[in-house]
């Protein structure tokens, strides 16, 4: 009698242009998440640098490049900077609600405005409502959407939706799959950073030691915001290691400089964790 398969099968995508660094190509290794053990598999793979996109867990597997580095914030030791403290105060009146992973027209409209402003021409720019529903609802693991709303006038009806984040609950932390927000709300500066700060606070309250931010790519300007959260760990060949304070200080200084550079982003570039594009995960 043939024994049941105990380990997942892994596959490799075809080469494609790198969305982060111009002139380079990317390749990913992936496996399917399914069945009663999907949460456990997602947890195990998350600890070794995999990310989830719908029913697939993937990580970069490029032949000549290792620029994509998994990073996570240590929630129990997190100390907000003065800028982050001001952000928390400015946006602290927002009402955050955990919602089941179910897409809404309101979320999709906000996503469209976000993509049009922050990632025009990116891989998600052509998404329709069905694509968005697939992105949110096709999850075999414990997930939810955190909605961020302004307080309503009467305190009873839902206020204006200004941000949202698709989040996975893992055994050792929260994994921020994809966040988006109102990019033109001048009174709510730093909404994207606030969503990360809220997840750090939320994870700490749940006794979860980490918030997984996905991949950080040194040299990719749109990815530099991730290094601003201290303390931070990165995944290397020897496992997870703490980024030393002096090095992180240097990286944060570089991130501030990158924010003011006007160099164009690579065609189709976007931030990490871009769901969708499931066509790349095909077993040939």
Protein backbone atom coordinates (compact mmCIF):
# COMPACT_ATOMS: atom_id res chain seq x y z
CA UNK A 1 0.00 0.00 0.00
CA UNK A 2 1.39 3.38 -1.00
CA UNK A 3 1.99 5.75 1.93
CA UNK A 4 0.33 9.17 1.78
CA UNK A 5 2.41 12.13 0.65
CA UNK A 6 3.67 13.92 3.77
CA UNK A 7 5.58 16.78 2.22
CA UNK A 8 4.42 19.42 -0.26
CA UNK A 9 5.65 19.41 -3.82
CA UNK A 10 7.59 22.49 -4.87
CA UNK A 11 7.77 24.01 -8.33
CA UNK A 12 9.64 26.87 -10.02
CA UNK A 13 8.19 29.67 -12.12
CA UNK A 14 9.53 30.76 -15.47
CA UNK A 15 11.94 33.70 -15.60
CA UNK A 16 10.27 37.11 -15.65
CA UNK A 17 11.45 40.74 -15.39
CA UNK A 18 12.27 41.73 -11.83
CA UNK A 19 9.65 44.16 -10.47
CA UNK A 20 12.14 45.77 -8.08
CA UNK A 21 15.51 46.16 -9.80
CA UNK A 22 15.71 47.20 -13.46
CA UNK A 23 17.57 44.94 -15.85
CA UNK A 24 17.26 41.84 -13.70
CA UNK A 25 15.08 38.76 -13.88
CA UNK A 26 13.20 36.94 -11.15
CA UNK A 27 12.27 33.35 -10.52
CA UNK A 28 10.18 31.92 -7.66
CA UNK A 29 9.81 28.57 -5.98
CA UNK A 30 6.25 27.83 -4.87
CA UNK A 31 3.88 25.25 -3.47
CA UNK A 32 0.14 24.97 -3.01
CA UNK A 33 -1.54 25.58 0.34
CA UNK A 34 -4.53 23.32 0.79
CA UNK A 35 -6.25 20.92 3.13
CA UNK A 36 -6.57 20.76 6.89
CA UNK A 37 -2.85 21.39 7.41
CA UNK A 38 -2.69 24.59 5.33
CA UNK A 39 -2.24 26.83 8.38
CA UNK A 40 0.59 24.71 9.76
CA UNK A 41 2.34 24.62 6.38
CA UNK A 42 1.93 28.38 5.94
CA UNK A 43 3.43 28.93 9.40
CA UNK A 44 6.42 26.70 8.68
CA UNK A 45 7.08 28.25 5.28
CA UNK A 46 6.63 31.78 6.64
CA UNK A 47 9.49 31.16 9.06
CA UNK A 48 11.83 30.39 6.17
CA UNK A 49 10.90 33.38 4.05
CA UNK A 50 7.85 32.33 2.06
CA UNK A 51 4.95 34.67 1.35
CA UNK A 52 1.34 33.81 0.53
CA UNK A 53 -0.55 34.76 -2.64
CA UNK A 54 -4.07 33.32 -2.54
CA UNK A 55 -3.60 29.53 -2.38
CA UNK A 56 0.14 29.59 -3.11
CA UNK A 57 3.19 30.08 -0.89
CA UNK A 58 6.24 31.41 -2.75
CA UNK A 59 9.70 32.84 -2.25
CA UNK A 60 12.35 34.22 -4.63
CA UNK A 61 14.71 31.66 -6.12
CA UNK A 62 16.81 33.73 -8.49
CA UNK A 63 19.96 32.18 -9.91
CA UNK A 64 22.25 35.22 -9.73
CA UNK A 65 20.63 37.51 -7.16
CA UNK A 66 19.72 37.43 -3.48
CA UNK A 67 18.54 41.02 -3.08
CA UNK A 68 15.10 40.09 -1.70
CA UNK A 69 15.50 39.72 2.06
CA UNK A 70 12.68 38.66 4.40
CA UNK A 71 12.25 41.05 7.34
CA UNK A 72 10.12 41.05 10.48
CA UNK A 73 9.58 43.45 13.38
CA UNK A 74 10.14 42.23 16.95
CA UNK A 75 6.90 43.38 18.53
CA UNK A 76 7.74 42.98 22.22
CA UNK A 77 10.76 45.27 21.95
CA UNK A 78 9.43 47.75 19.41
CA UNK A 79 10.18 51.35 20.29
CA UNK A 80 8.52 53.96 18.05
CA UNK A 81 10.64 56.84 16.81
CA UNK A 82 9.55 60.43 17.36
CA UNK A 83 8.10 60.49 13.83
CA UNK A 84 6.18 57.28 14.47
CA UNK A 85 4.86 58.66 17.76
CA UNK A 86 3.50 61.69 15.92
CA UNK A 87 1.90 59.39 13.37
CA UNK A 88 0.21 57.37 16.12
CA UNK A 89 -1.14 60.55 17.67
CA UNK A 90 -2.31 61.98 14.33
CA UNK A 91 -4.17 58.85 13.27
CA UNK A 92 -5.01 57.39 16.66
CA UNK A 93 -8.70 58.24 16.32
CA UNK A 94 -9.14 55.80 13.42
CA UNK A 95 -11.47 52.89 14.10
CA UNK A 96 -9.83 49.56 13.21
CA UNK A 97 -12.11 46.57 12.65
CA UNK A 98 -11.20 42.96 11.96
CA UNK A 99 -13.40 41.71 9.14
CA UNK A 100 -13.71 38.28 7.62
CA UNK A 101 -11.83 37.88 4.31
CA UNK A 102 -14.68 39.04 2.14
CA UNK A 103 -14.24 41.72 -0.52
CA UNK A 104 -16.45 44.80 -0.72
CA UNK A 105 -17.04 47.43 -3.39
CA UNK A 106 -15.86 50.08 -0.93
CA UNK A 107 -12.52 48.32 -0.45
CA UNK A 108 -12.06 47.86 -4.19
CA UNK A 109 -12.73 51.54 -4.91
CA UNK A 110 -10.12 52.51 -2.32
CA UNK A 111 -7.64 50.03 -3.81
CA UNK A 112 -8.13 51.51 -7.28
CA UNK A 113 -7.36 55.01 -6.03
CA UNK A 114 -4.32 53.74 -4.16
CA UNK A 115 -2.91 51.86 -7.15
CA UNK A 116 -3.56 54.75 -9.52
CA UNK A 117 -1.56 57.08 -7.31
CA UNK A 118 1.20 54.88 -5.87
CA UNK A 119 1.70 52.03 -8.35
CA UNK A 120 0.52 53.13 -11.80
CA UNK A 121 1.38 50.58 -14.43
CA UNK A 122 2.12 47.94 -11.77
CA UNK A 123 1.05 44.33 -11.88
CA UNK A 124 -2.25 45.05 -10.12
CA UNK A 125 -3.28 48.08 -12.15
CA UNK A 126 -5.62 46.07 -14.39
CA UNK A 127 -7.41 44.28 -11.56
CA UNK A 128 -11.20 44.22 -11.69
CA UNK A 129 -13.61 43.44 -8.85
CA UNK A 130 -13.45 39.71 -9.54
CA UNK A 131 -9.65 39.77 -9.33
CA UNK A 132 -9.84 41.65 -6.06
CA UNK A 133 -12.37 39.18 -4.68
CA UNK A 134 -10.01 36.34 -5.59
CA UNK A 135 -7.14 38.11 -3.87
CA UNK A 136 -9.05 38.47 -0.59
CA UNK A 137 -11.34 35.47 -0.49
CA UNK A 138 -9.18 32.67 -1.92
CA UNK A 139 -7.37 31.89 1.30
CA UNK A 140 -6.90 28.42 2.78
CA UNK A 141 -5.40 29.85 6.00
CA UNK A 142 -6.54 32.03 8.90
CA UNK A 143 -6.88 35.49 7.36
CA UNK A 144 -8.83 38.68 7.80
CA UNK A 145 -9.10 42.20 6.45
CA UNK A 146 -8.39 45.00 8.91
CA UNK A 147 -10.40 48.07 7.93
CA UNK A 148 -9.42 51.56 9.10
CA UNK A 149 -12.24 54.10 9.22
CA UNK A 150 -12.58 57.67 10.38
CA UNK A 151 -15.01 58.22 13.23
CA UNK A 152 -18.54 58.90 12.02
CA UNK A 153 -20.46 62.00 13.08
CA UNK A 154 -23.09 60.03 14.98
CA UNK A 155 -20.74 57.38 16.33
CA UNK A 156 -23.12 54.67 15.16
CA UNK A 157 -22.77 54.29 11.39
CA UNK A 158 -19.48 53.23 9.78
CA UNK A 159 -17.17 56.15 9.01
CA UNK A 160 -15.20 56.76 5.87
CA UNK A 161 -12.87 53.90 4.87
CA UNK A 162 -9.32 55.26 4.56
CA UNK A 163 -7.21 52.11 4.78
CA UNK A 164 -7.27 48.32 4.75
CA UNK A 165 -4.88 45.41 5.10
CA UNK A 166 -5.20 41.75 4.15
CA UNK A 167 -3.49 39.94 7.03
CA UNK A 168 -2.64 36.33 7.87
CA UNK A 169 -2.59 35.12 11.46
CA UNK A 170 0.43 32.87 11.83
CA UNK A 171 1.58 30.90 14.84
CA UNK A 172 4.33 33.37 15.70
CA UNK A 173 3.03 36.62 14.26
CA UNK A 174 0.95 38.60 11.84
CA UNK A 175 1.90 38.54 8.17
CA UNK A 176 0.87 41.67 6.29
CA UNK A 177 -0.06 40.31 2.88
CA UNK A 178 -1.17 43.59 1.28
CA UNK A 179 -2.17 47.00 2.59
CA UNK A 180 -3.64 50.00 0.80
CA UNK A 181 -5.01 53.38 1.82
CA UNK A 182 -6.28 56.77 0.65
CA UNK A 183 -3.20 58.31 -0.98
CA UNK A 184 -4.64 61.82 -1.31
CA UNK A 185 -5.91 62.33 2.25
CA UNK A 186 -3.65 65.21 3.27
CA UNK A 187 -5.00 65.29 6.82
CA UNK A 188 -4.01 61.64 7.25
CA UNK A 189 -0.33 61.76 6.35
CA UNK A 190 1.47 58.47 6.92
CA UNK A 191 -1.51 56.14 6.66
CA UNK A 192 0.57 53.29 5.29
CA UNK A 193 3.02 53.56 8.17
CA UNK A 194 0.15 53.82 10.65
CA UNK A 195 -1.25 50.49 9.41
CA UNK A 196 2.11 48.85 10.13
CA UNK A 197 2.30 50.50 13.56
CA UNK A 198 -1.19 49.27 14.37
CA UNK A 199 -0.25 45.73 13.36
CA UNK A 200 2.80 45.86 15.63
CA UNK A 201 0.62 46.96 18.54
CA UNK A 202 -2.03 44.40 17.66
CA UNK A 203 0.48 41.53 17.49
CA UNK A 204 2.06 42.52 20.82
CA UNK A 205 -1.39 42.55 22.46
CA UNK A 206 -1.95 39.03 21.10
CA UNK A 207 1.43 37.86 22.49
CA UNK A 208 2.68 37.28 18.96
CA UNK A 209 6.40 38.07 18.75
CA UNK A 210 6.62 39.22 15.13
CA UNK A 211 5.03 41.21 12.35
CA UNK A 212 6.20 39.95 8.97
CA UNK A 213 6.67 42.75 6.42
CA UNK A 214 7.67 40.57 3.47
CA UNK A 215 10.74 41.30 1.40
CA UNK A 216 13.08 44.24 1.68
CA UNK A 217 15.29 45.06 -1.31
CA UNK A 218 18.22 47.38 -0.73
CA UNK A 219 18.44 49.74 -3.68
CA UNK A 220 14.71 49.62 -4.47
CA UNK A 221 13.40 53.00 -3.33
CA UNK A 222 9.81 51.87 -2.85
CA UNK A 223 10.87 49.16 -0.41
CA UNK A 224 12.92 51.29 1.97
CA UNK A 225 10.05 52.21 4.29
CA UNK A 226 10.31 48.76 5.86
CA UNK A 227 13.64 49.39 7.60
CA UNK A 228 12.20 52.16 9.77
CA UNK A 229 10.77 49.78 12.39
CA UNK A 230 13.10 48.83 15.22
CA UNK A 231 14.20 46.31 16.29
CA UNK A 232 14.08 44.31 13.08
CA UNK A 233 15.27 40.87 12.07
CA UNK A 234 16.24 39.64 8.62
CA UNK A 235 16.51 36.14 7.26
CA UNK A 236 19.97 35.06 6.15
CA UNK A 237 21.67 31.78 5.35
CA UNK A 238 22.18 31.09 9.06
CA UNK A 239 18.57 31.91 9.95
CA UNK A 240 16.96 35.01 11.41
CA UNK A 241 19.35 37.62 12.77
CA UNK A 242 18.89 40.98 14.45
CA UNK A 243 19.91 44.00 12.40
CA UNK A 244 22.39 45.80 14.60
CA UNK A 245 21.39 49.33 15.71
CA UNK A 246 24.18 51.13 13.88
CA UNK A 247 23.47 49.32 10.63
CA UNK A 248 19.77 49.97 10.89
CA UNK A 249 20.44 53.62 11.61
CA UNK A 250 22.45 53.77 8.39
CA UNK A 251 19.69 52.01 6.46
CA UNK A 252 17.04 54.38 7.82
CA UNK A 253 19.16 57.34 6.78
CA UNK A 254 19.44 55.84 3.31
CA UNK A 255 15.68 55.27 3.20
CA UNK A 256 15.07 58.95 3.95
CA UNK A 257 17.35 59.90 1.06
CA UNK A 258 15.68 57.43 -1.32
CA UNK A 259 12.29 58.95 -0.58
CA UNK A 260 13.40 62.24 -2.09
CA UNK A 261 14.99 60.80 -5.21
CA UNK A 262 13.09 61.29 -8.43
CA UNK A 263 14.45 58.31 -10.37
CA UNK A 264 11.64 56.44 -12.13
CA UNK A 265 10.60 53.06 -10.79
CA UNK A 266 11.03 49.96 -12.94
CA UNK A 267 8.18 49.24 -15.32
CA UNK A 268 5.43 47.41 -13.49
CA UNK A 269 7.09 47.88 -10.12
CA UNK A 270 5.12 47.56 -6.92
CA UNK A 271 5.63 46.87 -3.26
CA UNK A 272 6.23 43.40 -1.94
CA UNK A 273 3.45 40.97 -1.29
CA UNK A 274 1.60 41.77 -4.50
CA UNK A 275 -1.14 39.15 -4.66
CA UNK A 276 -2.78 38.12 -7.88
CA UNK A 277 -0.95 37.23 -11.05
CA UNK A 278 -1.70 33.62 -10.24
CA UNK A 279 -0.96 32.63 -13.82
CA UNK A 280 2.76 32.59 -12.99
CA UNK A 281 2.18 29.71 -10.55
CA UNK A 282 1.52 26.95 -13.05
CA UNK A 283 2.76 23.42 -12.90
CA UNK A 284 4.02 22.43 -16.33
